[in-house]
N, C-alpha and C. Protein backbone atom coordinates (compact mmCIF):
# COMPACT_ATOMS: atom_id res chain seq x y z
N UNK A 1 -3.90 6.50 17.77
CA UNK A 1 -3.44 6.18 16.37
C UNK A 1 -2.14 6.61 16.10
N UNK A 2 -1.68 7.44 16.78
CA UNK A 2 -0.39 8.01 16.26
C UNK A 2 0.55 6.81 16.98
N UNK A 3 0.41 6.05 17.67
CA UNK A 3 1.19 4.75 18.37
C UNK A 3 0.97 3.87 16.83
N UNK A 4 0.32 3.59 16.12
CA UNK A 4 -0.24 2.97 15.21
C UNK A 4 0.38 3.16 14.29
N UNK A 5 0.95 4.51 13.55
CA UNK A 5 1.28 5.24 12.61
C UNK A 5 3.09 5.04 12.85
N UNK A 6 3.22 5.06 14.09
CA UNK A 6 4.65 5.16 14.42
C UNK A 6 5.19 3.77 14.18
N UNK A 7 4.52 2.60 14.73
CA UNK A 7 4.87 1.64 14.42
C UNK A 7 5.20 1.16 13.00
N UNK A 8 4.18 1.79 12.30
CA UNK A 8 3.94 1.20 10.87
C UNK A 8 5.01 1.98 9.88
N UNK A 9 5.36 3.16 10.34
CA UNK A 9 6.75 3.80 10.00
C UNK A 9 7.92 2.99 10.27
N UNK A 10 8.21 2.38 11.53
CA UNK A 10 9.13 1.81 11.82
C UNK A 10 8.98 0.20 11.25
N UNK A 11 8.20 -0.32 10.77
CA UNK A 11 8.00 -1.46 10.44
C UNK A 11 8.19 -1.39 8.98
N UNK A 12 7.75 -0.39 7.94
CA UNK A 12 8.10 0.11 6.76
C UNK A 12 9.39 0.03 6.39
N UNK A 13 10.35 0.76 7.48
CA UNK A 13 11.68 1.38 7.33
C UNK A 13 12.67 0.12 7.45
N UNK A 14 12.21 -0.90 8.26
CA UNK A 14 12.96 -2.03 8.85
C UNK A 14 12.76 -2.85 7.37
N UNK A 15 11.61 -3.19 6.81
CA UNK A 15 11.41 -3.81 5.71
C UNK A 15 11.99 -3.65 4.42
N UNK A 16 12.27 -2.13 4.24
CA UNK A 16 12.74 -1.81 3.29
C UNK A 16 14.04 -1.85 3.16
N UNK A 17 14.92 -1.54 4.26
CA UNK A 17 16.39 -2.11 4.51
C UNK A 17 16.74 -3.48 4.07
N UNK A 18 15.93 -4.35 4.23
CA UNK A 18 16.24 -5.84 3.85
C UNK A 18 15.57 -6.08 2.68
N UNK A 19 14.63 -5.37 2.31
CA UNK A 19 13.89 -6.01 0.69
C UNK A 19 13.46 -4.47 0.13
N UNK A 20 14.41 -4.05 -0.67
CA UNK A 20 14.52 -2.86 -1.44
C UNK A 20 12.98 -3.01 -2.14
N UNK A 21 12.69 -3.95 -2.90
CA UNK A 21 11.64 -4.05 -3.53
C UNK A 21 10.11 -4.69 -3.10
N UNK A 22 10.28 -4.31 -1.79
CA UNK A 22 9.32 -4.75 -1.01
C UNK A 22 7.64 -4.67 -1.80
N UNK A 23 6.70 -5.20 -1.48
CA UNK A 23 5.28 -5.15 -1.93
C UNK A 23 4.24 -5.22 -0.88
N UNK A 24 3.76 -4.13 -0.54
CA UNK A 24 3.11 -3.84 0.63
C UNK A 24 1.77 -3.47 0.43
N UNK A 25 0.44 -4.38 1.11
CA UNK A 25 -0.52 -3.77 0.82
C UNK A 25 -1.17 -3.55 2.31
N UNK A 26 -2.13 -2.48 2.38
CA UNK A 26 -2.46 -1.88 3.51
C UNK A 26 -4.15 -1.70 3.34
N UNK A 27 -4.79 -2.51 3.97
CA UNK A 27 -6.15 -2.42 4.33
C UNK A 27 -6.74 -1.49 5.41
N UNK A 28 -7.85 -0.89 5.30
CA UNK A 28 -8.61 -0.35 6.08
C UNK A 28 -9.79 -0.25 5.41
N UNK A 29 -10.68 -0.19 6.89
CA UNK A 29 -12.66 0.12 6.49
C UNK A 29 -13.01 1.05 5.82
N UNK A 30 -12.47 2.23 6.10
CA UNK A 30 -12.87 3.85 6.34
C UNK A 30 -12.26 4.27 4.67
N UNK A 31 -13.08 4.93 4.06
CA UNK A 31 -12.73 5.64 3.20
C UNK A 31 -11.56 6.98 3.29
N UNK A 32 -11.95 7.54 4.62
CA UNK A 32 -11.17 8.61 5.08
C UNK A 32 -10.11 8.72 5.85
N UNK A 33 -9.88 7.42 6.31
CA UNK A 33 -8.78 6.92 6.88
C UNK A 33 -7.83 6.02 5.73
N UNK A 34 -8.25 5.61 4.81
CA UNK A 34 -7.61 5.56 3.32
C UNK A 34 -6.83 6.50 2.69
N UNK A 35 -7.80 7.44 2.47
CA UNK A 35 -6.92 8.72 1.90
C UNK A 35 -5.80 9.38 3.01
N UNK A 36 -6.10 9.55 4.11
CA UNK A 36 -5.17 10.03 5.06
C UNK A 36 -3.80 9.02 5.31
N UNK A 37 -3.98 7.71 5.09
CA UNK A 37 -2.79 6.91 4.84
C UNK A 37 -1.98 7.18 3.64
N UNK A 38 -2.79 7.22 2.77
CA UNK A 38 -2.04 7.58 1.37
C UNK A 38 -1.30 9.07 1.43
N UNK A 39 -2.15 9.98 1.83
CA UNK A 39 -1.31 11.15 1.83
C UNK A 39 -0.05 10.91 3.05
N UNK A 40 -0.13 10.55 4.07
CA UNK A 40 1.14 10.52 5.10
C UNK A 40 1.69 9.25 4.67
N UNK A 41 1.73 8.21 3.88
CA UNK A 41 2.66 7.47 3.52
C UNK A 41 3.32 8.01 2.20
N UNK A 42 2.92 8.82 1.57
CA UNK A 42 3.27 9.65 0.19
C UNK A 42 4.41 10.38 0.62
N UNK A 43 4.06 11.35 1.54
CA UNK A 43 4.85 12.24 2.34
C UNK A 43 6.01 11.59 2.84
N UNK A 44 5.95 10.74 3.80
CA UNK A 44 6.66 9.91 4.57
C UNK A 44 7.65 9.29 3.78
N UNK A 45 7.74 8.80 2.72
CA UNK A 45 8.57 8.04 2.07
C UNK A 45 8.56 8.37 0.26
N UNK A 46 8.72 9.27 0.30
CA UNK A 46 8.56 10.21 -1.26
C UNK A 46 9.47 9.80 -2.06
N UNK A 47 10.87 9.29 -1.54
CA UNK A 47 12.02 9.28 -2.12
C UNK A 47 12.40 7.47 -1.98
N UNK A 48 11.43 6.93 -1.41
CA UNK A 48 11.90 5.33 -0.66
C UNK A 48 10.67 4.49 -1.58
N UNK A 49 9.60 4.97 -1.62
CA UNK A 49 8.61 4.18 -2.34
C UNK A 49 7.64 4.61 -3.14
N UNK A 50 6.68 4.15 -3.99
CA UNK A 50 5.50 4.71 -4.42
C UNK A 50 4.28 3.82 -3.66
N UNK A 51 3.21 4.76 -3.52
CA UNK A 51 1.92 4.72 -2.68
C UNK A 51 0.83 4.56 -4.06
N UNK A 52 0.32 3.54 -4.12
CA UNK A 52 -0.91 3.61 -4.96
C UNK A 52 -2.05 3.73 -4.12
N UNK A 53 -3.04 4.44 -4.70
CA UNK A 53 -4.31 4.47 -3.83
C UNK A 53 -5.64 3.70 -4.89
N UNK A 54 -5.66 2.55 -4.33
CA UNK A 54 -6.85 1.95 -4.66
C UNK A 54 -8.28 2.60 -4.40
N UNK A 55 -8.77 3.52 -4.96
CA UNK A 55 -9.94 3.86 -4.41
C UNK A 55 -11.54 3.44 -5.44
N UNK A 56 -12.64 3.29 -4.88
CA UNK A 56 -13.76 2.73 -5.61
C UNK A 56 -14.09 3.48 -6.78
N UNK A 57 -13.56 5.19 -6.76
CA UNK A 57 -13.87 5.81 -8.04
C UNK A 57 -12.53 5.71 -9.22
N UNK A 58 -11.50 4.74 -8.73
CA UNK A 58 -10.34 4.39 -10.05
C UNK A 58 -11.15 3.76 -11.32
N UNK A 59 -10.75 4.15 -12.26
CA UNK A 59 -11.37 3.46 -13.45
C UNK A 59 -10.68 2.18 -13.62
N UNK A 60 -11.48 1.00 -14.29
CA UNK A 60 -10.57 -0.29 -14.19
C UNK A 60 -9.39 -0.27 -14.98
N UNK A 61 -9.55 0.48 -15.67
CA UNK A 61 -7.77 0.13 -16.32
C UNK A 61 -6.57 0.60 -15.54
N UNK A 62 -6.86 1.83 -14.94
CA UNK A 62 -5.91 2.41 -13.99
C UNK A 62 -5.80 1.34 -12.97
N UNK A 63 -6.66 0.66 -12.52
CA UNK A 63 -6.62 -0.23 -11.14
C UNK A 63 -6.04 -1.28 -11.70
N UNK A 64 -6.33 -1.84 -12.65
CA UNK A 64 -5.74 -2.75 -13.22
C UNK A 64 -3.96 -2.72 -13.43
N UNK A 65 -3.82 -1.56 -14.05
CA UNK A 65 -2.45 -1.15 -14.36
C UNK A 65 -1.56 -1.24 -12.81
N UNK A 66 -2.07 -0.68 -11.79
CA UNK A 66 -1.57 -0.88 -10.60
C UNK A 66 -1.37 -2.20 -10.11
N UNK A 67 -2.49 -3.18 -10.21
CA UNK A 67 -2.27 -4.43 -9.70
C UNK A 67 -1.07 -5.27 -10.47
N UNK A 68 -1.22 -4.98 -11.67
CA UNK A 68 -0.33 -5.39 -12.22
C UNK A 68 1.27 -5.27 -12.07
N UNK A 69 1.35 -3.82 -11.72
CA UNK A 69 2.58 -3.33 -11.63
C UNK A 69 3.23 -4.08 -10.10
N UNK A 70 1.94 -4.06 -8.94
CA UNK A 70 2.36 -4.59 -8.00
C UNK A 70 2.61 -6.11 -7.86
N UNK A 71 2.19 -7.01 -8.62
CA UNK A 71 2.37 -8.40 -8.78
C UNK A 71 3.69 -8.53 -10.01
N UNK A 72 4.04 -7.56 -10.39
CA UNK A 72 5.32 -7.80 -11.33
C UNK A 72 6.39 -7.79 -10.76
N UNK A 73 7.10 -9.04 -10.57
CA UNK A 73 8.36 -8.90 -9.84
C UNK A 73 9.67 -8.58 -10.54
N UNK A 74 9.56 -8.11 -12.04
CA UNK A 74 10.47 -7.55 -12.52
C UNK A 74 10.41 -5.77 -12.43
N UNK A 75 9.59 -5.31 -11.81
CA UNK A 75 9.03 -3.93 -11.63
C UNK A 75 10.28 -3.48 -10.26
N UNK A 76 11.05 -2.80 -10.57
CA UNK A 76 12.09 -2.47 -9.32
C UNK A 76 11.53 -1.51 -8.17
N UNK A 77 12.09 -1.32 -7.00
CA UNK A 77 11.37 -0.66 -6.28
C UNK A 77 10.23 -1.06 -5.51
N UNK A 78 10.14 -0.36 -4.26
CA UNK A 78 9.36 -0.26 -3.28
C UNK A 78 8.00 0.00 -3.59
N UNK A 79 6.63 -0.70 -3.33
CA UNK A 79 5.61 -0.44 -3.63
C UNK A 79 4.54 -0.78 -2.94
N UNK A 80 3.43 0.13 -2.24
CA UNK A 80 2.47 0.13 -1.19
C UNK A 80 1.48 0.38 -2.08
N UNK A 81 0.51 -0.30 -1.62
CA UNK A 81 -0.76 -0.24 -2.03
C UNK A 81 -2.22 -0.17 -0.95
N UNK A 82 -2.44 0.95 -0.95
CA UNK A 82 -3.65 1.47 0.06
C UNK A 82 -4.88 1.18 -0.47
N UNK A 83 -5.89 0.66 0.15
CA UNK A 83 -7.31 0.02 -0.08
C UNK A 83 -7.98 -0.16 1.02
N UNK A 84 -9.43 0.10 0.58
CA UNK A 84 -10.41 -0.43 1.61
C UNK A 84 -10.65 -1.83 1.43
N UNK A 85 -10.97 -2.47 2.29
CA UNK A 85 -11.71 -4.08 2.38
C UNK A 85 -12.70 -4.26 1.07
N UNK A 86 -13.49 -3.38 1.15
CA UNK A 86 -14.25 -3.57 0.28
C UNK A 86 -14.06 -3.21 -1.36
N UNK A 87 -13.17 -2.45 -1.33
CA UNK A 87 -12.49 -1.97 -2.94
C UNK A 87 -11.56 -3.41 -3.29
N UNK A 88 -10.76 -3.48 -2.21
CA UNK A 88 -9.60 -4.83 -2.62
C UNK A 88 -10.12 -6.01 -2.86
N UNK A 89 -11.83 -6.24 -2.72
CA UNK A 89 -11.72 -7.54 -2.43
C UNK A 89 -11.95 -8.22 -3.89
N UNK A 90 -11.91 -7.36 -4.86
CA UNK A 90 -11.87 -7.77 -6.13
C UNK A 90 -10.37 -7.48 -7.24
N UNK A 91 -9.98 -8.62 -7.54
CA UNK A 91 -8.83 -8.56 -8.18
C UNK A 91 -7.22 -8.43 -7.64
N UNK A 92 -7.25 -8.37 -6.37
CA UNK A 92 -6.04 -8.30 -5.69
C UNK A 92 -5.44 -9.52 -5.53
N UNK A 93 -4.36 -9.72 -6.12
CA UNK A 93 -3.87 -11.28 -5.55
C UNK A 93 -2.70 -10.98 -4.88
N UNK A 94 -2.44 -11.44 -3.31
CA UNK A 94 -1.46 -11.00 -2.34
C UNK A 94 -0.32 -12.05 -2.47
N UNK A 95 -0.48 -13.07 -3.49
CA UNK A 95 0.71 -13.66 -3.22
C UNK A 95 2.15 -13.20 -3.28
N UNK A 96 2.38 -12.05 -4.06
CA UNK A 96 3.54 -11.37 -4.27
C UNK A 96 4.10 -10.28 -3.31
N UNK A 97 3.02 -10.11 -2.19
CA UNK A 97 2.74 -8.97 -1.33
C UNK A 97 4.31 -9.84 -0.32
N UNK A 98 5.04 -8.65 -0.13
CA UNK A 98 5.64 -8.97 1.35
C UNK A 98 5.41 -9.14 2.36
N UNK A 99 4.31 -7.79 2.52
CA UNK A 99 3.65 -7.57 4.37
C UNK A 99 2.16 -7.07 3.68
N UNK A 100 1.22 -7.73 4.40
CA UNK A 100 -0.01 -7.20 4.29
C UNK A 100 -0.45 -6.62 5.88
N UNK A 101 -0.86 -5.62 5.89
CA UNK A 101 -1.30 -4.84 6.93
C UNK A 101 -2.70 -4.32 7.05
N UNK A 102 -3.44 -4.78 8.24
CA UNK A 102 -4.71 -4.46 8.61
C UNK A 102 -4.92 -3.02 9.45
N UNK A 103 -5.25 -2.02 9.20
CA UNK A 103 -4.73 -0.95 9.62
C UNK A 103 -6.11 0.08 10.17
N UNK A 104 -6.53 -0.01 11.22
CA UNK A 104 -7.60 1.04 11.77
C UNK A 104 -7.32 1.70 12.81
N UNK A 105 -7.72 3.05 12.99
CA UNK A 105 -7.67 4.06 13.80
C UNK A 105 -7.56 3.77 15.12
């Protein structure tokens, strides 16, 4: 797990250097892994990117706001969306994603 997180950190920092308005979607199967990823990514890039957590308990309006921002090219700054496969199966268009990662421990 530590090796995967180190790799992801390096990957995101390299991507950010060339694409400051990157849009990254990160998916996992497990709710606990999702929560840990959100916390870790938020701490890691607190000045570099915004991390949006799409969890099952999120209200529809809040979820739609996150998705609209993720897909809007006029919104500047790097954004990461973290979700489980189950939750992300509805409504997420990956067309504007710079990268998509499938991450399991």
